[in-house]
Protein backbone atom coordinates (compact mmCIF):
# COMPACT_ATOMS: atom_id res chain seq x y z
CA UNK A 1 -0.02 -25.20 -29.84
CA UNK A 2 2.44 -27.98 -30.49
CA UNK A 3 6.15 -27.12 -30.26
CA UNK A 4 7.21 -30.57 -31.45
CA UNK A 5 9.06 -30.51 -34.78
CA UNK A 6 8.03 -33.70 -36.60
CA UNK A 7 10.67 -33.49 -39.35
CA UNK A 8 13.99 -31.83 -38.46
CA UNK A 9 14.81 -31.37 -42.17
CA UNK A 10 11.85 -29.01 -42.68
CA UNK A 11 12.14 -25.27 -42.28
CA UNK A 12 10.46 -23.83 -39.21
CA UNK A 13 8.02 -21.12 -40.20
CA UNK A 14 7.95 -17.97 -38.09
CA UNK A 15 4.15 -17.68 -38.39
CA UNK A 16 2.85 -21.19 -37.66
CA UNK A 17 -0.41 -20.07 -36.03
CA UNK A 18 -1.28 -17.80 -38.94
CA UNK A 19 -0.39 -20.48 -41.46
CA UNK A 20 -2.60 -22.96 -39.61
CA UNK A 21 -5.51 -20.50 -39.48
CA UNK A 22 -5.52 -19.76 -43.22
CA UNK A 23 -8.50 -20.83 -45.25
CA UNK A 24 -6.38 -22.06 -48.14
CA UNK A 25 -6.75 -18.63 -49.72
CA UNK A 26 -3.86 -17.01 -47.89
CA UNK A 27 -6.28 -15.15 -45.63
CA UNK A 28 -7.24 -15.46 -41.99
CA UNK A 29 -10.43 -14.51 -40.18
CA UNK A 30 -10.88 -11.09 -38.64
CA UNK A 31 -11.39 -12.77 -35.25
CA UNK A 32 -8.03 -14.48 -35.53
CA UNK A 33 -6.28 -11.26 -36.55
CA UNK A 34 -7.93 -9.43 -33.61
CA UNK A 35 -6.80 -12.20 -31.25
CA UNK A 36 -3.20 -11.86 -32.46
CA UNK A 37 -3.35 -8.08 -32.05
CA UNK A 38 -4.71 -8.39 -28.49
CA UNK A 39 -1.92 -10.84 -27.64
CA UNK A 40 0.68 -8.50 -29.18
CA UNK A 41 -0.67 -5.55 -27.19
CA UNK A 42 -0.63 -7.59 -23.98
CA UNK A 43 2.95 -8.72 -24.64
CA UNK A 44 4.06 -5.16 -25.37
CA UNK A 45 2.38 -3.95 -22.16
CA UNK A 46 4.18 -6.66 -20.19
CA UNK A 47 7.52 -5.70 -21.75
CA UNK A 48 6.91 -2.06 -20.82
CA UNK A 49 6.07 -3.00 -17.20
CA UNK A 50 9.17 -5.20 -16.95
CA UNK A 51 11.37 -2.42 -18.32
CA UNK A 52 9.87 0.05 -15.83
CA UNK A 53 10.40 -2.41 -12.97
CA UNK A 54 14.02 -2.87 -14.08
CA UNK A 55 14.52 0.89 -14.05
CA UNK A 56 13.10 1.12 -10.52
CA UNK A 57 15.37 -1.71 -9.38
CA UNK A 58 18.41 -0.02 -10.91
CA UNK A 59 17.53 3.27 -9.20
CA UNK A 60 17.12 1.46 -5.88
CA UNK A 61 20.51 -0.23 -6.25
CA UNK A 62 22.16 3.13 -6.93
CA UNK A 63 20.35 4.67 -3.94
CA UNK A 64 21.47 1.84 -1.66
CA UNK A 65 25.07 2.08 -2.87
CA UNK A 66 25.11 5.83 -2.27
CA UNK A 67 23.57 5.35 1.17
CA UNK A 68 26.26 2.77 1.97
CA UNK A 69 29.03 5.16 0.90
CA UNK A 70 27.53 8.00 2.98
CA UNK A 71 27.26 5.73 6.03
CA UNK A 72 30.87 4.55 5.59
CA UNK A 73 32.18 8.11 5.30
CA UNK A 74 30.17 9.20 8.32
CA UNK A 75 31.51 6.28 10.34
CA UNK A 76 35.08 7.10 9.24
CA UNK A 77 34.68 10.75 10.26
CA UNK A 78 33.26 9.78 13.64
CA UNK A 79 36.11 7.33 14.24
CA UNK A 80 38.80 10.01 13.80
CA UNK A 81 40.30 11.29 17.09
């Protein structure tokens, strides 16, 4: 795949791979369509895993902050005469 834009005055198409794979009839092969679908599924799976990892990280940050507050309160109570 080439990301170079040869002519900056031309519109950039949002489906360059599909356009390139057409047979001149406006159609693409079943194999190409299957490949795109597999890539889409893989990308969606990756997004889901990243979102889940972000949720776990957020929960861990909250847990650590709460633990810090508990430790600080405990230390303050123990320091009182």
